Amino acid sequence: MTDASFSVLDLLDLPPLERELFLHLARNGPNDAQGLAAATGHDEAAVREALLALSKRRRLELQADGQFGVVMGKVSKGRAHDG
């Protein structure tokens, strides 16, 4: 997985907890470690570790309010092919 591009298939390469947290944030919006631990039922320390790992991979960003938000890659439009 590179920092320049991130596809849905790259989600499969993430460890299970990181994948779960990334998807939760993508679906539900920014949250902090305590809120994510409560929402997912995971230990807060494990959640913090996973959030830091995702941040190091530049998949999440720590916002000014202390919540983590998903960093989405650029999406390019494909051209339709006339068959």
PDB file of N, CA and C in Angstrom:
ATOM      1  N   MET A   1       0.847  -1.162   0.000  1.00  0.00           N
ATOM      2  CA  MET A   1       0.000   0.000   0.000  1.00  0.00           C
ATOM      3  C   MET A   1       0.895   1.229   0.000  1.00  0.00           C
ATOM      4  N   THR A   2       0.645   2.131  -0.913  1.00  0.00           N
ATOM      5  CA  THR A   2       1.452   3.340  -0.982  1.00  0.00           C
ATOM      6  C   THR A   2       0.665   4.507  -0.419  1.00  0.00           C
ATOM      7  N   ASP A   3       1.379   5.560  -0.072  1.00  0.00           N
ATOM      8  CA  ASP A   3       0.725   6.762   0.429  1.00  0.00           C
ATOM      9  C   ASP A   3       0.023   7.520  -0.679  1.00  0.00           C
ATOM     10  N   ALA A   4       0.436   7.328  -1.935  1.00  0.00           N
ATOM     11  CA  ALA A   4      -0.103   8.095  -3.049  1.00  0.00           C
ATOM     12  C   ALA A   4      -1.500   7.630  -3.448  1.00  0.00           C
ATOM     13  N   SER A   5      -1.786   6.349  -3.340  1.00  0.00           N
ATOM     14  CA  SER A   5      -3.084   5.849  -3.750  1.00  0.00           C
ATOM     15  C   SER A   5      -3.584   4.819  -2.753  1.00  0.00           C
ATOM     16  N   PHE A   6      -4.884   4.731  -2.641  1.00  0.00           N
ATOM     17  CA  PHE A   6      -5.506   3.821  -1.694  1.00  0.00           C
ATOM     18  C   PHE A   6      -6.807   3.358  -2.312  1.00  0.00           C
ATOM     19  N   SER A   7      -6.925   2.089  -2.523  1.00  0.00           N
ATOM     20  CA  SER A   7      -8.138   1.565  -3.139  1.00  0.00           C
ATOM     21  C   SER A   7      -8.909   0.719  -2.135  1.00  0.00           C
ATOM     22  N   VAL A   8     -10.106   0.392  -2.512  1.00  0.00           N
ATOM     23  CA  VAL A   8     -10.930  -0.460  -1.671  1.00  0.00           C
ATOM     24  C   VAL A   8     -10.221  -1.792  -1.421  1.00  0.00           C
ATOM     25  N   LEU A   9      -9.505  -2.284  -2.410  1.00  0.00           N
ATOM     26  CA  LEU A   9      -8.784  -3.544  -2.228  1.00  0.00           C
ATOM     27  C   LEU A   9      -7.679  -3.434  -1.182  1.00  0.00           C
ATOM     28  N   ASP A  10      -7.128  -2.230  -1.001  1.00  0.00           N
ATOM     29  CA  ASP A  10      -6.108  -2.031   0.025  1.00  0.00           C
ATOM     30  C   ASP A  10      -6.663  -2.253   1.424  1.00  0.00           C
ATOM     31  N   LEU A  11      -7.965  -2.115   1.587  1.00  0.00           N
ATOM     32  CA  LEU A  11      -8.583  -2.388   2.883  1.00  0.00           C
ATOM     33  C   LEU A  11      -8.329  -3.819   3.326  1.00  0.00           C
ATOM     34  N   LEU A  12      -8.255  -4.712   2.363  1.00  0.00           N
ATOM     35  CA  LEU A  12      -8.025  -6.121   2.685  1.00  0.00           C
ATOM     36  C   LEU A  12      -6.648  -6.358   3.287  1.00  0.00           C
ATOM     37  N   ASP A  13      -5.697  -5.470   3.000  1.00  0.00           N
ATOM     38  CA  ASP A  13      -4.341  -5.608   3.533  1.00  0.00           C
ATOM     39  C   ASP A  13      -4.202  -5.080   4.957  1.00  0.00           C
ATOM     40  N   LEU A  14      -5.191  -4.331   5.419  1.00  0.00           N
ATOM     41  CA  LEU A  14      -5.123  -3.784   6.769  1.00  0.00           C
ATOM     42  C   LEU A  14      -5.414  -4.872   7.800  1.00  0.00           C
ATOM     43  N   PRO A  15      -4.776  -4.795   8.963  1.00  0.00           N
ATOM     44  CA  PRO A  15      -5.145  -5.709  10.046  1.00  0.00           C
ATOM     45  C   PRO A  15      -6.635  -5.519  10.383  1.00  0.00           C
ATOM     46  N   PRO A  16      -7.291  -6.548  10.892  1.00  0.00           N
ATOM     47  CA  PRO A  16      -8.744  -6.496  11.105  1.00  0.00           C
ATOM     48  C   PRO A  16      -9.233  -5.294  11.921  1.00  0.00           C
ATOM     49  N   LEU A  17      -8.577  -4.962  13.018  1.00  0.00           N
ATOM     50  CA  LEU A  17      -9.034  -3.833  13.828  1.00  0.00           C
ATOM     51  C   LEU A  17      -8.876  -2.516  13.080  1.00  0.00           C
ATOM     52  N   GLU A  18      -7.771  -2.339  12.379  1.00  0.00           N
ATOM     53  CA  GLU A  18      -7.571  -1.120  11.594  1.00  0.00           C
ATOM     54  C   GLU A  18      -8.627  -0.998  10.502  1.00  0.00           C
ATOM     55  N   ARG A  19      -8.919  -2.106   9.841  1.00  0.00           N
ATOM     56  CA  ARG A  19      -9.944  -2.107   8.784  1.00  0.00           C
ATOM     57  C   ARG A  19     -11.303  -1.741   9.380  1.00  0.00           C
ATOM     58  N   GLU A  20     -11.634  -2.334  10.519  1.00  0.00           N
ATOM     59  CA  GLU A  20     -12.923  -2.062  11.164  1.00  0.00           C
ATOM     60  C   GLU A  20     -13.042  -0.586  11.555  1.00  0.00           C
ATOM     61  N   LEU A  21     -11.982  -0.037  12.135  1.00  0.00           N
ATOM     62  CA  LEU A  21     -12.017   1.367  12.547  1.00  0.00           C
ATOM     63  C   LEU A  21     -12.094   2.304  11.348  1.00  0.00           C
ATOM     64  N   PHE A  22     -11.315   2.017  10.309  1.00  0.00           N
ATOM     65  CA  PHE A  22     -11.349   2.839   9.095  1.00  0.00           C
ATOM     66  C   PHE A  22     -12.760   2.859   8.511  1.00  0.00           C
ATOM     67  N   LEU A  23     -13.363   1.693   8.385  1.00  0.00           N
ATOM     68  CA  LEU A  23     -14.705   1.609   7.812  1.00  0.00           C
ATOM     69  C   LEU A  23     -15.729   2.297   8.705  1.00  0.00           C
ATOM     70  N   HIS A  24     -15.587   2.145  10.020  1.00  0.00           N
ATOM     71  CA  HIS A  24     -16.510   2.814  10.942  1.00  0.00           C
ATOM     72  C   HIS A  24     -16.423   4.332  10.763  1.00  0.00           C
ATOM     73  N   LEU A  25     -15.209   4.853  10.703  1.00  0.00           N
ATOM     74  CA  LEU A  25     -15.033   6.293  10.525  1.00  0.00           C
ATOM     75  C   LEU A  25     -15.527   6.754   9.158  1.00  0.00           C
ATOM     76  N   ALA A  26     -15.296   5.955   8.127  1.00  0.00           N
ATOM     77  CA  ALA A  26     -15.760   6.321   6.783  1.00  0.00           C
ATOM     78  C   ALA A  26     -17.286   6.371   6.723  1.00  0.00           C
ATOM     79  N   ARG A  27     -17.930   5.478   7.443  1.00  0.00           N
ATOM     80  CA  ARG A  27     -19.399   5.415   7.422  1.00  0.00           C
ATOM     81  C   ARG A  27     -20.056   6.425   8.358  1.00  0.00           C
ATOM     82  N   ASN A  28     -19.413   6.667   9.516  1.00  0.00           N
ATOM     83  CA  ASN A  28     -20.060   7.435  10.577  1.00  0.00           C
ATOM     84  C   ASN A  28     -19.436   8.790  10.864  1.00  0.00           C
ATOM     85  N   GLY A  29     -18.335   9.106  10.226  1.00  0.00           N
ATOM     86  CA  GLY A  29     -17.689  10.386  10.453  1.00  0.00           C
ATOM     87  C   GLY A  29     -16.679  10.339  11.582  1.00  0.00           C
ATOM     88  N   PRO A  30     -15.999  11.464  11.799  1.00  0.00           N
ATOM     89  CA  PRO A  30     -14.915  11.531  12.784  1.00  0.00           C
ATOM     90  C   PRO A  30     -15.352  11.146  14.196  1.00  0.00           C
ATOM     91  N   ASN A  31     -14.395  10.594  14.942  1.00  0.00           N
ATOM     92  CA  ASN A  31     -14.630  10.192  16.316  1.00  0.00           C
ATOM     93  C   ASN A  31     -13.286  10.105  17.015  1.00  0.00           C
ATOM     94  N   ASP A  32     -13.304  10.033  18.341  1.00  0.00           N
ATOM     95  CA  ASP A  32     -12.058   9.881  19.086  1.00  0.00           C
ATOM     96  C   ASP A  32     -11.911   8.428  19.540  1.00  0.00           C
ATOM     97  N   ALA A  33     -10.771   8.126  20.152  1.00  0.00           N
ATOM     98  CA  ALA A  33     -10.476   6.748  20.552  1.00  0.00           C
ATOM     99  C   ALA A  33     -11.505   6.212  21.540  1.00  0.00           C
ATOM    100  N   GLN A  34     -11.893   7.036  22.503  1.00  0.00           N
ATOM    101  CA  GLN A  34     -12.858   6.594  23.500  1.00  0.00           C
ATOM    102  C   GLN A  34     -14.209   6.285  22.854  1.00  0.00           C
ATOM    103  N   GLY A  35     -14.656   7.154  21.970  1.00  0.00           N
ATOM    104  CA  GLY A  35     -15.920   6.932  21.277  1.00  0.00           C
ATOM    105  C   GLY A  35     -15.882   5.712  20.375  1.00  0.00           C
ATOM    106  N   LEU A  36     -14.760   5.509  19.693  1.00  0.00           N
ATOM    107  CA  LEU A  36     -14.620   4.332  18.829  1.00  0.00           C
ATOM    108  C   LEU A  36     -14.579   3.045  19.641  1.00  0.00           C
ATOM    109  N   ALA A  37     -13.910   3.086  20.786  1.00  0.00           N
ATOM    110  CA  ALA A  37     -13.866   1.903  21.651  1.00  0.00           C
ATOM    111  C   ALA A  37     -15.279   1.539  22.112  1.00  0.00           C
ATOM    112  N   ALA A  38     -16.051   2.538  22.498  1.00  0.00           N
ATOM    113  CA  ALA A  38     -17.420   2.286  22.937  1.00  0.00           C
ATOM    114  C   ALA A  38     -18.292   1.774  21.792  1.00  0.00           C
ATOM    115  N   ALA A  39     -18.117   2.353  20.604  1.00  0.00           N
ATOM    116  CA  ALA A  39     -18.938   1.976  19.455  1.00  0.00           C
ATOM    117  C   ALA A  39     -18.619   0.583  18.924  1.00  0.00           C
ATOM    118  N   THR A  40     -17.345   0.190  19.028  1.00  0.00           N
ATOM    119  CA  THR A  40     -16.930  -1.091  18.443  1.00  0.00           C
ATOM    120  C   THR A  40     -16.760  -2.209  19.464  1.00  0.00           C
ATOM    121  N   GLY A  41     -16.718  -1.863  20.751  1.00  0.00           N
ATOM    122  CA  GLY A  41     -16.563  -2.879  21.786  1.00  0.00           C
ATOM    123  C   GLY A  41     -15.130  -3.337  21.985  1.00  0.00           C
ATOM    124  N   HIS A  42     -14.159  -2.603  21.439  1.00  0.00           N
ATOM    125  CA  HIS A  42     -12.746  -2.955  21.593  1.00  0.00           C
ATOM    126  C   HIS A  42     -12.130  -2.169  22.744  1.00  0.00           C
ATOM    127  N   ASP A  43     -11.035  -2.689  23.262  1.00  0.00           N
ATOM    128  CA  ASP A  43     -10.279  -2.031  24.320  1.00  0.00           C
ATOM    129  C   ASP A  43      -9.749  -0.694  23.808  1.00  0.00           C
ATOM    130  N   GLU A  44      -9.865   0.354  24.621  1.00  0.00           N
ATOM    131  CA  GLU A  44      -9.455   1.691  24.189  1.00  0.00           C
ATOM    132  C   GLU A  44      -7.964   1.753  23.844  1.00  0.00           C
ATOM    133  N   ALA A  45      -7.119   1.034  24.580  1.00  0.00           N
ATOM    134  CA  ALA A  45      -5.680   1.041  24.282  1.00  0.00           C
ATOM    135  C   ALA A  45      -5.409   0.439  22.908  1.00  0.00           C
ATOM    136  N   ALA A  46      -6.110  -0.653  22.581  1.00  0.00           N
ATOM    137  CA  ALA A  46      -5.945  -1.283  21.267  1.00  0.00           C
ATOM    138  C   ALA A  46      -6.444  -0.353  20.160  1.00  0.00           C
ATOM    139  N   VAL A  47      -7.541   0.340  20.427  1.00  0.00           N
ATOM    140  CA  VAL A  47      -8.086   1.285  19.455  1.00  0.00           C
ATOM    141  C   VAL A  47      -7.088   2.418  19.216  1.00  0.00           C
ATOM    142  N   ARG A  48      -6.507   2.954  20.286  1.00  0.00           N
ATOM    143  CA  ARG A  48      -5.521   4.032  20.142  1.00  0.00           C
ATOM    144  C   ARG A  48      -4.328   3.582  19.300  1.00  0.00           C
ATOM    145  N   GLU A  49      -3.854   2.374  19.555  1.00  0.00           N
ATOM    146  CA  GLU A  49      -2.716   1.834  18.798  1.00  0.00           C
ATOM    147  C   GLU A  49      -3.064   1.704  17.316  1.00  0.00           C
ATOM    148  N   ALA A  50      -4.249   1.205  17.030  1.00  0.00           N
ATOM    149  CA  ALA A  50      -4.682   1.040  15.634  1.00  0.00           C
ATOM    150  C   ALA A  50      -4.859   2.403  14.961  1.00  0.00           C
ATOM    151  N   LEU A  51      -5.397   3.375  15.680  1.00  0.00           N
ATOM    152  CA  LEU A  51      -5.565   4.712  15.122  1.00  0.00           C
ATOM    153  C   LEU A  51      -4.220   5.355  14.798  1.00  0.00           C
ATOM    154  N   LEU A  52      -3.251   5.157  15.678  1.00  0.00           N
ATOM    155  CA  LEU A  52      -1.915   5.689  15.419  1.00  0.00           C
ATOM    156  C   LEU A  52      -1.287   5.029  14.193  1.00  0.00           C
ATOM    157  N   ALA A  53      -1.481   3.716  14.055  1.00  0.00           N
ATOM    158  CA  ALA A  53      -0.945   3.005  12.890  1.00  0.00           C
ATOM    159  C   ALA A  53      -1.582   3.534  11.603  1.00  0.00           C
ATOM    160  N   LEU A  54      -2.884   3.748  11.622  1.00  0.00           N
ATOM    161  CA  LEU A  54      -3.562   4.292  10.447  1.00  0.00           C
ATOM    162  C   LEU A  54      -3.115   5.720  10.156  1.00  0.00           C
ATOM    163  N   SER A  55      -2.855   6.474  11.200  1.00  0.00           N
ATOM    164  CA  SER A  55      -2.362   7.845  11.020  1.00  0.00           C
ATOM    165  C   SER A  55      -0.978   7.853  10.392  1.00  0.00           C
ATOM    166  N   LYS A  56      -0.122   6.928  10.825  1.00  0.00           N
ATOM    167  CA  LYS A  56       1.227   6.840  10.261  1.00  0.00           C
ATOM    168  C   LYS A  56       1.178   6.470   8.782  1.00  0.00           C
ATOM    169  N   ARG A  57       0.165   5.704   8.395  1.00  0.00           N
ATOM    170  CA  ARG A  57      -0.013   5.324   6.984  1.00  0.00           C
ATOM    171  C   ARG A  57      -0.736   6.421   6.196  1.00  0.00           C
ATOM    172  N   ARG A  58      -1.077   7.489   6.880  1.00  0.00           N
ATOM    173  CA  ARG A  58      -1.788   8.627   6.286  1.00  0.00           C
ATOM    174  C   ARG A  58      -3.182   8.255   5.794  1.00  0.00           C
ATOM    175  N   ARG A  59      -3.823   7.348   6.484  1.00  0.00           N
ATOM    176  CA  ARG A  59      -5.202   6.961   6.172  1.00  0.00           C
ATOM    177  C   ARG A  59      -6.186   7.702   7.060  1.00  0.00           C
ATOM    178  N   LEU A  60      -5.699   8.214   8.210  1.00  0.00           N
ATOM    179  CA  LEU A  60      -6.503   9.021   9.114  1.00  0.00           C
ATOM    180  C   LEU A  60      -5.739  10.285   9.431  1.00  0.00           C
ATOM    181  N   GLU A  61      -6.485  11.310   9.797  1.00  0.00           N
ATOM    182  CA  GLU A  61      -5.849  12.537  10.270  1.00  0.00           C
ATOM    183  C   GLU A  61      -6.478  12.927  11.600  1.00  0.00           C
ATOM    184  N   LEU A  62      -5.642  13.428  12.492  1.00  0.00           N
ATOM    185  CA  LEU A  62      -6.113  13.922  13.774  1.00  0.00           C
ATOM    186  C   LEU A  62      -6.576  15.354  13.570  1.00  0.00           C
ATOM    187  N   GLN A  63      -7.837  15.592  13.859  1.00  0.00           N
ATOM    188  CA  GLN A  63      -8.417  16.910  13.651  1.00  0.00           C
ATOM    189  C   GLN A  63      -8.193  17.793  14.876  1.00  0.00           C
ATOM    190  N   ALA A  64      -8.438  19.074  14.730  1.00  0.00           N
ATOM    191  CA  ALA A  64      -8.201  20.042  15.802  1.00  0.00           C
ATOM    192  C   ALA A  64      -9.012  19.730  17.057  1.00  0.00           C
ATOM    193  N   ASP A  65     -10.170  19.088  16.896  1.00  0.00           N
ATOM    194  CA  ASP A  65     -11.019  18.776  18.048  1.00  0.00           C
ATOM    195  C   ASP A  65     -10.655  17.451  18.716  1.00  0.00           C
ATOM    196  N   GLY A  66      -9.544  16.830  18.277  1.00  0.00           N
ATOM    197  CA  GLY A  66      -9.082  15.581  18.883  1.00  0.00           C
ATOM    198  C   GLY A  66      -9.712  14.330  18.309  1.00  0.00           C
ATOM    199  N   GLN A  67     -10.519  14.488  17.281  1.00  0.00           N
ATOM    200  CA  GLN A  67     -11.135  13.334  16.635  1.00  0.00           C
ATOM    201  C   GLN A  67     -10.334  12.931  15.405  1.00  0.00           C
ATOM    202  N   PHE A  68     -10.450  11.663  15.058  1.00  0.00           N
ATOM    203  CA  PHE A  68      -9.796  11.142  13.861  1.00  0.00           C
ATOM    204  C   PHE A  68     -10.798  11.110  12.727  1.00  0.00           C
ATOM    205  N   GLY A  69     -10.347  11.533  11.550  1.00  0.00           N
ATOM    206  CA  GLY A  69     -11.164  11.497  10.351  1.00  0.00           C
ATOM    207  C   GLY A  69     -10.438  10.748   9.250  1.00  0.00           C
ATOM    208  N   VAL A  70     -11.201  10.174   8.356  1.00  0.00           N
ATOM    209  CA  VAL A  70     -10.660   9.388   7.252  1.00  0.00           C
ATOM    210  C   VAL A  70     -10.050  10.309   6.199  1.00  0.00           C
ATOM    211  N   VAL A  71      -8.909   9.914   5.678  1.00  0.00           N
ATOM    212  CA  VAL A  71      -8.291  10.603   4.545  1.00  0.00           C
ATOM    213  C   VAL A  71      -8.578   9.749   3.319  1.00  0.00           C
ATOM    214  N   MET A  72      -9.339  10.322   2.409  1.00  0.00           N
ATOM    215  CA  MET A  72      -9.686   9.593   1.199  1.00  0.00           C
ATOM    216  C   MET A  72      -8.749  10.006   0.080  1.00  0.00           C
ATOM    217  N   GLY A  73      -8.380   9.047  -0.758  1.00  0.00           N
ATOM    218  CA  GLY A  73      -7.529   9.336  -1.900  1.00  0.00           C
ATOM    219  C   GLY A  73      -8.319   9.993  -3.007  1.00  0.00           C
ATOM    220  N   LYS A  74      -7.597  10.516  -3.971  1.00  0.00           N
ATOM    221  CA  LYS A  74      -8.245  11.139  -5.125  1.00  0.00           C
ATOM    222  C   LYS A  74      -8.847  10.061  -6.005  1.00  0.00           C
ATOM    223  N   VAL A  75      -9.990  10.369  -6.550  1.00  0.00           N
ATOM    224  CA  VAL A  75     -10.679   9.451  -7.450  1.00  0.00           C
ATOM    225  C   VAL A  75     -10.714  10.096  -8.816  1.00  0.00           C
ATOM    226  N   SER A  76     -10.277   9.354  -9.827  1.00  0.00           N
ATOM    227  CA  SER A  76     -10.327   9.895 -11.182  1.00  0.00           C
ATOM    228  C   SER A  76     -11.510   9.291 -11.913  1.00  0.00           C
ATOM    229  N   LYS A  77     -12.096  10.098 -12.771  1.00  0.00           N
ATOM    230  CA  LYS A  77     -13.237   9.628 -13.537  1.00  0.00           C
ATOM    231  C   LYS A  77     -12.740   8.826 -14.724  1.00  0.00           C
ATOM    232  N   GLY A  78     -13.340   7.680 -14.940  1.00  0.00           N
ATOM    233  CA  GLY A  78     -13.023   6.876 -16.108  1.00  0.00           C
ATOM    234  C   GLY A  78     -13.863   7.298 -17.284  1.00  0.00           C
ATOM    235  N   ARG A  79     -13.435   6.935 -18.436  1.00  0.00           N
ATOM    236  CA  ARG A  79     -14.225   7.250 -19.642  1.00  0.00           C
ATOM    237  C   ARG A  79     -15.094   6.071 -19.980  1.00  0.00           C
ATOM    238  N   ALA A  80     -16.283   6.363 -20.373  1.00  0.00           N
ATOM    239  CA  ALA A  80     -17.193   5.310 -20.828  1.00  0.00           C
ATOM    240  C   ALA A  80     -16.749   4.877 -22.218  1.00  0.00           C
ATOM    241  N   HIS A  81     -16.816   3.606 -22.470  1.00  0.00           N
ATOM    242  CA  HIS A  81     -16.437   3.085 -23.783  1.00  0.00           C
ATOM    243  C   HIS A  81     -17.670   2.798 -24.602  1.00  0.00           C
ATOM    244  N   ASP A  82     -17.677   3.286 -25.799  1.00  0.00           N
ATOM    245  CA  ASP A  82     -18.781   2.974 -26.705  1.00  0.00           C
ATOM    246  C   ASP A  82     -18.498   1.624 -27.329  1.00  0.00           C
ATOM    247  N   GLY A  83     -19.379   0.669 -27.065  1.00  0.00           N
ATOM    248  CA  GLY A  83     -19.159  -0.701 -27.463  1.00  0.00           C
ATOM    249  C   GLY A  83     -19.397  -0.953 -28.853  1.00  0.00           C
TER     250      GLY A  83
END
